[in-house]
PDB file of all heavy atoms in Angstrom:
ATOM      1  N   LYS A   1       0.859  -1.174   0.000  1.00  0.00           N
ATOM      2  CA  LYS A   1       0.000   0.000   0.000  1.00  0.00           C
ATOM      3  C   LYS A   1       0.904   1.237   0.000  1.00  0.00           C
ATOM      4  O   LYS A   1       1.733   1.384   0.893  1.00  0.00           O
ATOM      5  CB  LYS A   1      -0.897   0.001   1.241  1.00  0.00           C
ATOM      6  CG  LYS A   1      -1.808   1.225   1.341  1.00  0.00           C
ATOM      7  CD  LYS A   1      -2.635   1.159   2.628  1.00  0.00           C
ATOM      8  CE  LYS A   1      -3.500   2.394   2.804  1.00  0.00           C
ATOM      9  NZ  LYS A   1      -4.264   2.354   4.094  1.00  0.00           N
ATOM     10  N   VAL A   2       0.738   2.084  -1.014  1.00  0.00           N
ATOM     11  CA  VAL A   2       1.533   3.307  -1.125  1.00  0.00           C
ATOM     12  C   VAL A   2       0.574   4.488  -1.100  1.00  0.00           C
ATOM     13  O   VAL A   2      -0.359   4.561  -1.923  1.00  0.00           O
ATOM     14  CB  VAL A   2       2.371   3.333  -2.415  1.00  0.00           C
ATOM     15  CG1 VAL A   2       3.202   4.604  -2.487  1.00  0.00           C
ATOM     16  CG2 VAL A   2       3.268   2.106  -2.484  1.00  0.00           C
ATOM     17  N   THR A   3       0.792   5.421  -0.172  1.00  0.00           N
ATOM     18  CA  THR A   3      -0.094   6.570  -0.017  1.00  0.00           C
ATOM     19  C   THR A   3       0.731   7.852  -0.103  1.00  0.00           C
ATOM     20  O   THR A   3       1.779   7.962   0.564  1.00  0.00           O
ATOM     21  CB  THR A   3      -0.812   6.535   1.341  1.00  0.00           C
ATOM     22  OG1 THR A   3      -1.416   5.255   1.518  1.00  0.00           O
ATOM     23  CG2 THR A   3      -1.858   7.626   1.419  1.00  0.00           C
ATOM     24  N   ASP A   4       0.271   8.852  -0.915  1.00  0.00           N
ATOM     25  CA  ASP A   4       1.009  10.109  -1.010  1.00  0.00           C
ATOM     26  C   ASP A   4       0.443  11.127  -0.022  1.00  0.00           C
ATOM     27  O   ASP A   4      -0.465  10.835   0.764  1.00  0.00           O
ATOM     28  CB  ASP A   4       0.985  10.651  -2.444  1.00  0.00           C
ATOM     29  CG  ASP A   4      -0.415  11.003  -2.921  1.00  0.00           C
ATOM     30  OD1 ASP A   4      -1.329  11.118  -2.080  1.00  0.00           O
ATOM     31  OD2 ASP A   4      -0.595  11.160  -4.153  1.00  0.00           O
ATOM     32  N   LEU A   5       0.970  12.337  -0.067  1.00  0.00           N
ATOM     33  CA  LEU A   5       0.573  13.381   0.880  1.00  0.00           C
ATOM     34  C   LEU A   5      -0.914  13.716   0.781  1.00  0.00           C
ATOM     35  O   LEU A   5      -1.533  14.144   1.768  1.00  0.00           O
ATOM     36  CB  LEU A   5       1.398  14.647   0.639  1.00  0.00           C
ATOM     37  CG  LEU A   5       2.851  14.608   1.141  1.00  0.00           C
ATOM     38  CD1 LEU A   5       3.599  15.838   0.659  1.00  0.00           C
ATOM     39  CD2 LEU A   5       2.894  14.514   2.656  1.00  0.00           C
ATOM     40  N   ASN A   6      -1.464  13.560  -0.389  1.00  0.00           N
ATOM     41  CA  ASN A   6      -2.865  13.882  -0.595  1.00  0.00           C
ATOM     42  C   ASN A   6      -3.791  12.706  -0.322  1.00  0.00           C
ATOM     43  O   ASN A   6      -4.990  12.785  -0.586  1.00  0.00           O
ATOM     44  CB  ASN A   6      -3.086  14.375  -2.031  1.00  0.00           C
ATOM     45  CG  ASN A   6      -2.274  15.616  -2.341  1.00  0.00           C
ATOM     46  OD1 ASN A   6      -2.176  16.517  -1.504  1.00  0.00           O
ATOM     47  ND2 ASN A   6      -1.693  15.670  -3.538  1.00  0.00           N
ATOM     48  N   GLY A   7      -3.240  11.643   0.177  1.00  0.00           N
ATOM     49  CA  GLY A   7      -4.057  10.482   0.475  1.00  0.00           C
ATOM     50  C   GLY A   7      -4.354   9.609  -0.719  1.00  0.00           C
ATOM     51  O   GLY A   7      -5.116   8.648  -0.623  1.00  0.00           O
ATOM     52  N   GLN A   8      -3.722   9.931  -1.875  1.00  0.00           N
ATOM     53  CA  GLN A   8      -3.944   9.136  -3.081  1.00  0.00           C
ATOM     54  C   GLN A   8      -3.184   7.816  -2.987  1.00  0.00           C
ATOM     55  O   GLN A   8      -2.054   7.768  -2.483  1.00  0.00           O
ATOM     56  CB  GLN A   8      -3.480   9.920  -4.315  1.00  0.00           C
ATOM     57  CG  GLN A   8      -4.246  11.207  -4.548  1.00  0.00           C
ATOM     58  CD  GLN A   8      -5.714  10.948  -4.864  1.00  0.00           C
ATOM     59  OE1 GLN A   8      -6.039  10.047  -5.649  1.00  0.00           O
ATOM     60  NE2 GLN A   8      -6.599  11.730  -4.243  1.00  0.00           N
ATOM     61  N   LYS A   9      -3.770   6.774  -3.476  1.00  0.00           N
ATOM     62  CA  LYS A   9      -3.153   5.445  -3.429  1.00  0.00           C
ATOM     63  C   LYS A   9      -2.334   5.193  -4.703  1.00  0.00           C
ATOM     64  O   LYS A   9      -2.648   5.673  -5.778  1.00  0.00           O
ATOM     65  CB  LYS A   9      -4.218   4.360  -3.289  1.00  0.00           C
ATOM     66  CG  LYS A   9      -5.105   4.512  -2.062  1.00  0.00           C
ATOM     67  CD  LYS A   9      -4.292   4.358  -0.784  1.00  0.00           C
ATOM     68  CE  LYS A   9      -5.233   4.301   0.434  1.00  0.00           C
ATOM     69  NZ  LYS A   9      -5.929   5.579   0.684  1.00  0.00           N
ATOM     70  N   ALA A  10      -1.257   4.448  -4.546  1.00  0.00           N
ATOM     71  CA  ALA A  10      -0.394   4.083  -5.681  1.00  0.00           C
ATOM     72  C   ALA A  10       0.166   2.691  -5.419  1.00  0.00           C
ATOM     73  O   ALA A  10      -0.152   2.060  -4.400  1.00  0.00           O
ATOM     74  CB  ALA A  10       0.713   5.106  -5.880  1.00  0.00           C
ATOM     75  N   GLY A  11       1.036   2.234  -6.326  1.00  0.00           N
ATOM     76  CA  GLY A  11       1.591   0.889  -6.168  1.00  0.00           C
ATOM     77  C   GLY A  11       3.083   0.832  -6.470  1.00  0.00           C
ATOM     78  O   GLY A  11       3.788   1.835  -6.440  1.00  0.00           O
ATOM     79  N   GLN A  12       3.532  -0.372  -6.812  1.00  0.00           N
ATOM     80  CA  GLN A  12       4.961  -0.603  -7.034  1.00  0.00           C
ATOM     81  C   GLN A  12       5.512   0.240  -8.176  1.00  0.00           C
ATOM     82  O   GLN A  12       6.673   0.652  -8.155  1.00  0.00           O
ATOM     83  CB  GLN A  12       5.196  -2.094  -7.328  1.00  0.00           C
ATOM     84  CG  GLN A  12       6.664  -2.483  -7.380  1.00  0.00           C
ATOM     85  CD  GLN A  12       7.349  -2.303  -6.040  1.00  0.00           C
ATOM     86  OE1 GLN A  12       6.842  -2.742  -5.011  1.00  0.00           O
ATOM     87  NE2 GLN A  12       8.495  -1.640  -6.032  1.00  0.00           N
ATOM     88  N   GLN A  13       4.684   0.502  -9.179  1.00  0.00           N
ATOM     89  CA  GLN A  13       5.163   1.272 -10.322  1.00  0.00           C
ATOM     90  C   GLN A  13       5.658   2.647  -9.908  1.00  0.00           C
ATOM     91  O   GLN A  13       6.663   3.138 -10.415  1.00  0.00           O
ATOM     92  CB  GLN A  13       4.038   1.400 -11.360  1.00  0.00           C
ATOM     93  CG  GLN A  13       4.494   2.068 -12.657  1.00  0.00           C
ATOM     94  CD  GLN A  13       3.400   2.052 -13.712  1.00  0.00           C
ATOM     95  OE1 GLN A  13       2.336   1.493 -13.500  1.00  0.00           O
ATOM     96  NE2 GLN A  13       3.680   2.658 -14.848  1.00  0.00           N
ATOM     97  N   LEU A  14       4.960   3.286  -8.966  1.00  0.00           N
ATOM     98  CA  LEU A  14       5.399   4.593  -8.470  1.00  0.00           C
ATOM     99  C   LEU A  14       6.734   4.472  -7.750  1.00  0.00           C
ATOM    100  O   LEU A  14       7.637   5.297  -7.941  1.00  0.00           O
ATOM    101  CB  LEU A  14       4.344   5.181  -7.539  1.00  0.00           C
ATOM    102  CG  LEU A  14       4.722   6.509  -6.845  1.00  0.00           C
ATOM    103  CD1 LEU A  14       4.961   7.594  -7.880  1.00  0.00           C
ATOM    104  CD2 LEU A  14       3.632   6.931  -5.868  1.00  0.00           C
ATOM    105  N   LEU A  15       6.857   3.437  -6.921  1.00  0.00           N
ATOM    106  CA  LEU A  15       8.124   3.245  -6.200  1.00  0.00           C
ATOM    107  C   LEU A  15       9.282   3.028  -7.157  1.00  0.00           C
ATOM    108  O   LEU A  15      10.396   3.506  -6.942  1.00  0.00           O
ATOM    109  CB  LEU A  15       8.009   2.051  -5.238  1.00  0.00           C
ATOM    110  CG  LEU A  15       7.012   2.200  -4.088  1.00  0.00           C
ATOM    111  CD1 LEU A  15       7.010   0.919  -3.250  1.00  0.00           C
ATOM    112  CD2 LEU A  15       7.352   3.393  -3.216  1.00  0.00           C
ATOM    113  N   ASN A  16       9.030   2.292  -8.242  1.00  0.00           N
ATOM    114  CA  ASN A  16      10.100   1.984  -9.195  1.00  0.00           C
ATOM    115  C   ASN A  16      10.671   3.227  -9.864  1.00  0.00           C
ATOM    116  O   ASN A  16      11.783   3.193 -10.389  1.00  0.00           O
ATOM    117  CB  ASN A  16       9.595   1.014 -10.263  1.00  0.00           C
ATOM    118  CG  ASN A  16       9.318  -0.371  -9.696  1.00  0.00           C
ATOM    119  OD1 ASN A  16       9.812  -0.703  -8.617  1.00  0.00           O
ATOM    120  ND2 ASN A  16       8.547  -1.166 -10.404  1.00  0.00           N
ATOM    121  N   GLU A  17       9.908   4.307  -9.854  1.00  0.00           N
ATOM    122  CA  GLU A  17      10.399   5.529 -10.481  1.00  0.00           C
ATOM    123  C   GLU A  17      11.584   6.127  -9.737  1.00  0.00           C
ATOM    124  O   GLU A  17      12.446   6.753 -10.339  1.00  0.00           O
ATOM    125  CB  GLU A  17       9.267   6.569 -10.566  1.00  0.00           C
ATOM    126  CG  GLU A  17       8.161   6.189 -11.543  1.00  0.00           C
ATOM    127  CD  GLU A  17       7.082   7.255 -11.604  1.00  0.00           C
ATOM    128  OE1 GLU A  17       7.302   8.348 -11.018  1.00  0.00           O
ATOM    129  OE2 GLU A  17       6.026   7.002 -12.217  1.00  0.00           O
ATOM    130  N   PHE A  18      11.615   5.962  -8.430  1.00  0.00           N
ATOM    131  CA  PHE A  18      12.704   6.588  -7.662  1.00  0.00           C
ATOM    132  C   PHE A  18      13.525   5.596  -6.841  1.00  0.00           C
ATOM    133  O   PHE A  18      14.496   5.979  -6.201  1.00  0.00           O
ATOM    134  CB  PHE A  18      12.156   7.691  -6.739  1.00  0.00           C
ATOM    135  CG  PHE A  18      11.159   7.210  -5.718  1.00  0.00           C
ATOM    136  CD1 PHE A  18      11.577   6.650  -4.525  1.00  0.00           C
ATOM    137  CD2 PHE A  18       9.798   7.334  -5.949  1.00  0.00           C
ATOM    138  CE1 PHE A  18      10.668   6.215  -3.583  1.00  0.00           C
ATOM    139  CE2 PHE A  18       8.871   6.902  -5.005  1.00  0.00           C
ATOM    140  CZ  PHE A  18       9.309   6.331  -3.823  1.00  0.00           C
ATOM    141  N   ILE A  19      13.153   4.323  -6.871  1.00  0.00           N
ATOM    142  CA  ILE A  19      13.935   3.318  -6.143  1.00  0.00           C
ATOM    143  C   ILE A  19      14.858   2.605  -7.124  1.00  0.00           C
ATOM    144  O   ILE A  19      14.402   1.964  -8.063  1.00  0.00           O
ATOM    145  CB  ILE A  19      13.029   2.284  -5.445  1.00  0.00           C
ATOM    146  CG1 ILE A  19      12.117   2.979  -4.435  1.00  0.00           C
ATOM    147  CG2 ILE A  19      13.885   1.229  -4.753  1.00  0.00           C
ATOM    148  CD1 ILE A  19      12.838   3.699  -3.325  1.00  0.00           C
ATOM    149  N   GLU A  20      16.161   2.729  -6.936  1.00  0.00           N
ATOM    150  CA  GLU A  20      17.130   2.018  -7.762  1.00  0.00           C
ATOM    151  C   GLU A  20      17.357   0.624  -7.174  1.00  0.00           C
ATOM    152  O   GLU A  20      17.675   0.480  -5.989  1.00  0.00           O
ATOM    153  CB  GLU A  20      18.449   2.792  -7.816  1.00  0.00           C
ATOM    154  CG  GLU A  20      19.615   2.059  -8.452  1.00  0.00           C
ATOM    155  CD  GLU A  20      19.272   1.476  -9.815  1.00  0.00           C
ATOM    156  OE1 GLU A  20      18.675   2.208 -10.652  1.00  0.00           O
ATOM    157  OE2 GLU A  20      19.584   0.297 -10.040  1.00  0.00           O
ATOM    158  N   GLN A  21      17.175  -0.400  -7.998  1.00  0.00           N
ATOM    159  CA  GLN A  21      17.260  -1.785  -7.523  1.00  0.00           C
ATOM    160  C   GLN A  21      18.610  -2.080  -6.871  1.00  0.00           C
ATOM    161  O   GLN A  21      18.685  -2.772  -5.851  1.00  0.00           O
ATOM    162  CB  GLN A  21      17.020  -2.747  -8.688  1.00  0.00           C
ATOM    163  CG  GLN A  21      15.644  -2.598  -9.350  1.00  0.00           C
ATOM    164  CD  GLN A  21      14.505  -2.961  -8.413  1.00  0.00           C
ATOM    165  OE1 GLN A  21      14.463  -4.062  -7.895  1.00  0.00           O
ATOM    166  NE2 GLN A  21      13.611  -2.007  -8.169  1.00  0.00           N
ATOM    167  N   LEU A  22      19.683  -1.562  -7.460  1.00  0.00           N
ATOM    168  CA  LEU A  22      21.011  -1.834  -6.887  1.00  0.00           C
ATOM    169  C   LEU A  22      21.217  -1.128  -5.554  1.00  0.00           C
ATOM    170  O   LEU A  22      22.071  -1.525  -4.768  1.00  0.00           O
ATOM    171  CB  LEU A  22      22.103  -1.417  -7.876  1.00  0.00           C
ATOM    172  CG  LEU A  22      22.320  -2.356  -9.057  1.00  0.00           C
ATOM    173  CD1 LEU A  22      23.386  -1.807  -9.993  1.00  0.00           C
ATOM    174  CD2 LEU A  22      22.718  -3.752  -8.593  1.00  0.00           C
ATOM    175  N   ALA A  23      20.427  -0.059  -5.300  1.00  0.00           N
ATOM    176  CA  ALA A  23      20.524   0.608  -4.001  1.00  0.00           C
ATOM    177  C   ALA A  23      20.036  -0.312  -2.895  1.00  0.00           C
ATOM    178  O   ALA A  23      20.471  -0.222  -1.740  1.00  0.00           O
ATOM    179  CB  ALA A  23      19.714   1.906  -4.007  1.00  0.00           C
ATOM    180  N   LEU A  24      19.113  -1.208  -3.258  1.00  0.00           N
ATOM    181  CA  LEU A  24      18.591  -2.183  -2.297  1.00  0.00           C
ATOM    182  C   LEU A  24      19.481  -3.411  -2.192  1.00  0.00           C
ATOM    183  O   LEU A  24      19.339  -4.207  -1.272  1.00  0.00           O
ATOM    184  CB  LEU A  24      17.178  -2.611  -2.716  1.00  0.00           C
ATOM    185  CG  LEU A  24      16.156  -1.470  -2.897  1.00  0.00           C
ATOM    186  CD1 LEU A  24      14.832  -2.032  -3.381  1.00  0.00           C
ATOM    187  CD2 LEU A  24      15.979  -0.693  -1.607  1.00  0.00           C
ATOM    188  N   ASP A  25      20.355  -3.578  -3.158  1.00  0.00           N
ATOM    189  CA  ASP A  25      21.234  -4.767  -3.187  1.00  0.00           C
ATOM    190  C   ASP A  25      22.615  -4.346  -3.679  1.00  0.00           C
ATOM    191  O   ASP A  25      23.094  -4.805  -4.713  1.00  0.00           O
ATOM    192  CB  ASP A  25      20.625  -5.835  -4.102  1.00  0.00           C
ATOM    193  CG  ASP A  25      21.351  -7.170  -3.989  1.00  0.00           C
ATOM    194  OD1 ASP A  25      22.177  -7.322  -3.059  1.00  0.00           O
ATOM    195  OD2 ASP A  25      21.115  -8.043  -4.832  1.00  0.00           O
ATOM    196  N   LEU A  26      23.255  -3.441  -2.966  1.00  0.00           N
ATOM    197  CA  LEU A  26      24.567  -2.922  -3.380  1.00  0.00           C
ATOM    198  C   LEU A  26      25.627  -4.015  -3.496  1.00  0.00           C
ATOM    199  O   LEU A  26      26.482  -3.960  -4.388  1.00  0.00           O
ATOM    200  CB  LEU A  26      25.036  -1.827  -2.420  1.00  0.00           C
ATOM    201  CG  LEU A  26      26.202  -0.965  -2.921  1.00  0.00           C
ATOM    202  CD1 LEU A  26      25.794  -0.218  -4.187  1.00  0.00           C
ATOM    203  CD2 LEU A  26      26.656   0.019  -1.864  1.00  0.00           C
ATOM    204  N   PRO A  27      25.627  -5.036  -2.620  1.00  0.00           N
ATOM    205  CA  PRO A  27      26.625  -6.113  -2.787  1.00  0.00           C
ATOM    206  C   PRO A  27      26.584  -6.761  -4.161  1.00  0.00           C
ATOM    207  O   PRO A  27      27.608  -7.234  -4.658  1.00  0.00           O
ATOM    208  CB  PRO A  27      26.251  -7.113  -1.675  1.00  0.00           C
ATOM    209  CG  PRO A  27      25.616  -6.270  -0.623  1.00  0.00           C
ATOM    210  CD  PRO A  27      24.848  -5.210  -1.369  1.00  0.00           C
ATOM    211  N   LYS A  28      25.401  -6.785  -4.797  1.00  0.00           N
ATOM    212  CA  LYS A  28      25.310  -7.374  -6.132  1.00  0.00           C
ATOM    213  C   LYS A  28      26.213  -6.626  -7.101  1.00  0.00           C
ATOM    214  O   LYS A  28      26.894  -7.230  -7.940  1.00  0.00           O
ATOM    215  CB  LYS A  28      23.858  -7.335  -6.617  1.00  0.00           C
ATOM    216  CG  LYS A  28      23.667  -7.915  -8.012  1.00  0.00           C
ATOM    217  CD  LYS A  28      22.204  -7.866  -8.426  1.00  0.00           C
ATOM    218  CE  LYS A  28      22.029  -8.431  -9.841  1.00  0.00           C
ATOM    219  NZ  LYS A  28      20.620  -8.379 -10.283  1.00  0.00           N
ATOM    220  N   PHE A  29      26.216  -5.302  -6.970  1.00  0.00           N
ATOM    221  CA  PHE A  29      27.101  -4.505  -7.829  1.00  0.00           C
ATOM    222  C   PHE A  29      28.562  -4.702  -7.434  1.00  0.00           C
ATOM    223  O   PHE A  29      29.430  -4.881  -8.286  1.00  0.00           O
ATOM    224  CB  PHE A  29      26.733  -3.025  -7.729  1.00  0.00           C
ATOM    225  CG  PHE A  29      27.675  -2.122  -8.479  1.00  0.00           C
ATOM    226  CD1 PHE A  29      27.541  -1.933  -9.848  1.00  0.00           C
ATOM    227  CD2 PHE A  29      28.726  -1.480  -7.833  1.00  0.00           C
ATOM    228  CE1 PHE A  29      28.415  -1.115 -10.544  1.00  0.00           C
ATOM    229  CE2 PHE A  29      29.599  -0.660  -8.516  1.00  0.00           C
ATOM    230  CZ  PHE A  29      29.437  -0.479  -9.881  1.00  0.00           C
ATOM    231  N   MET A  30      28.847  -4.686  -6.140  1.00  0.00           N
ATOM    232  CA  MET A  30      30.229  -4.783  -5.671  1.00  0.00           C
ATOM    233  C   MET A  30      30.845  -6.133  -5.994  1.00  0.00           C
ATOM    234  O   MET A  30      32.062  -6.240  -6.184  1.00  0.00           O
ATOM    235  CB  MET A  30      30.294  -4.514  -4.166  1.00  0.00           C
ATOM    236  CG  MET A  30      29.830  -3.110  -3.782  1.00  0.00           C
ATOM    237  SD  MET A  30      29.927  -2.783  -2.007  1.00  0.00           S
ATOM    238  CE  MET A  30      31.701  -2.700  -1.772  1.00  0.00           C
ATOM    239  N   GLU A  31      30.019  -7.178  -6.057  1.00  0.00           N
ATOM    240  CA  GLU A  31      30.538  -8.521  -6.346  1.00  0.00           C
ATOM    241  C   GLU A  31      30.626  -8.811  -7.840  1.00  0.00           C
ATOM    242  O   GLU A  31      31.138  -9.857  -8.247  1.00  0.00           O
ATOM    243  CB  GLU A  31      29.638  -9.572  -5.679  1.00  0.00           C
ATOM    244  CG  GLU A  31      29.716  -9.540  -4.154  1.00  0.00           C
ATOM    245  CD  GLU A  31      28.598 -10.326  -3.504  1.00  0.00           C
ATOM    246  OE1 GLU A  31      27.833 -10.974  -4.259  1.00  0.00           O
ATOM    247  OE2 GLU A  31      28.494 -10.291  -2.266  1.00  0.00           O
TER     248      GLU A  31
END
């Protein structure tokens, strides 16, 4: 469940816009 300041609902697609996958798994890049 993703909620913005205005109470609007969103999903994973919104998160993917600003979440870098390697930021969540930096060892993958380092290895």
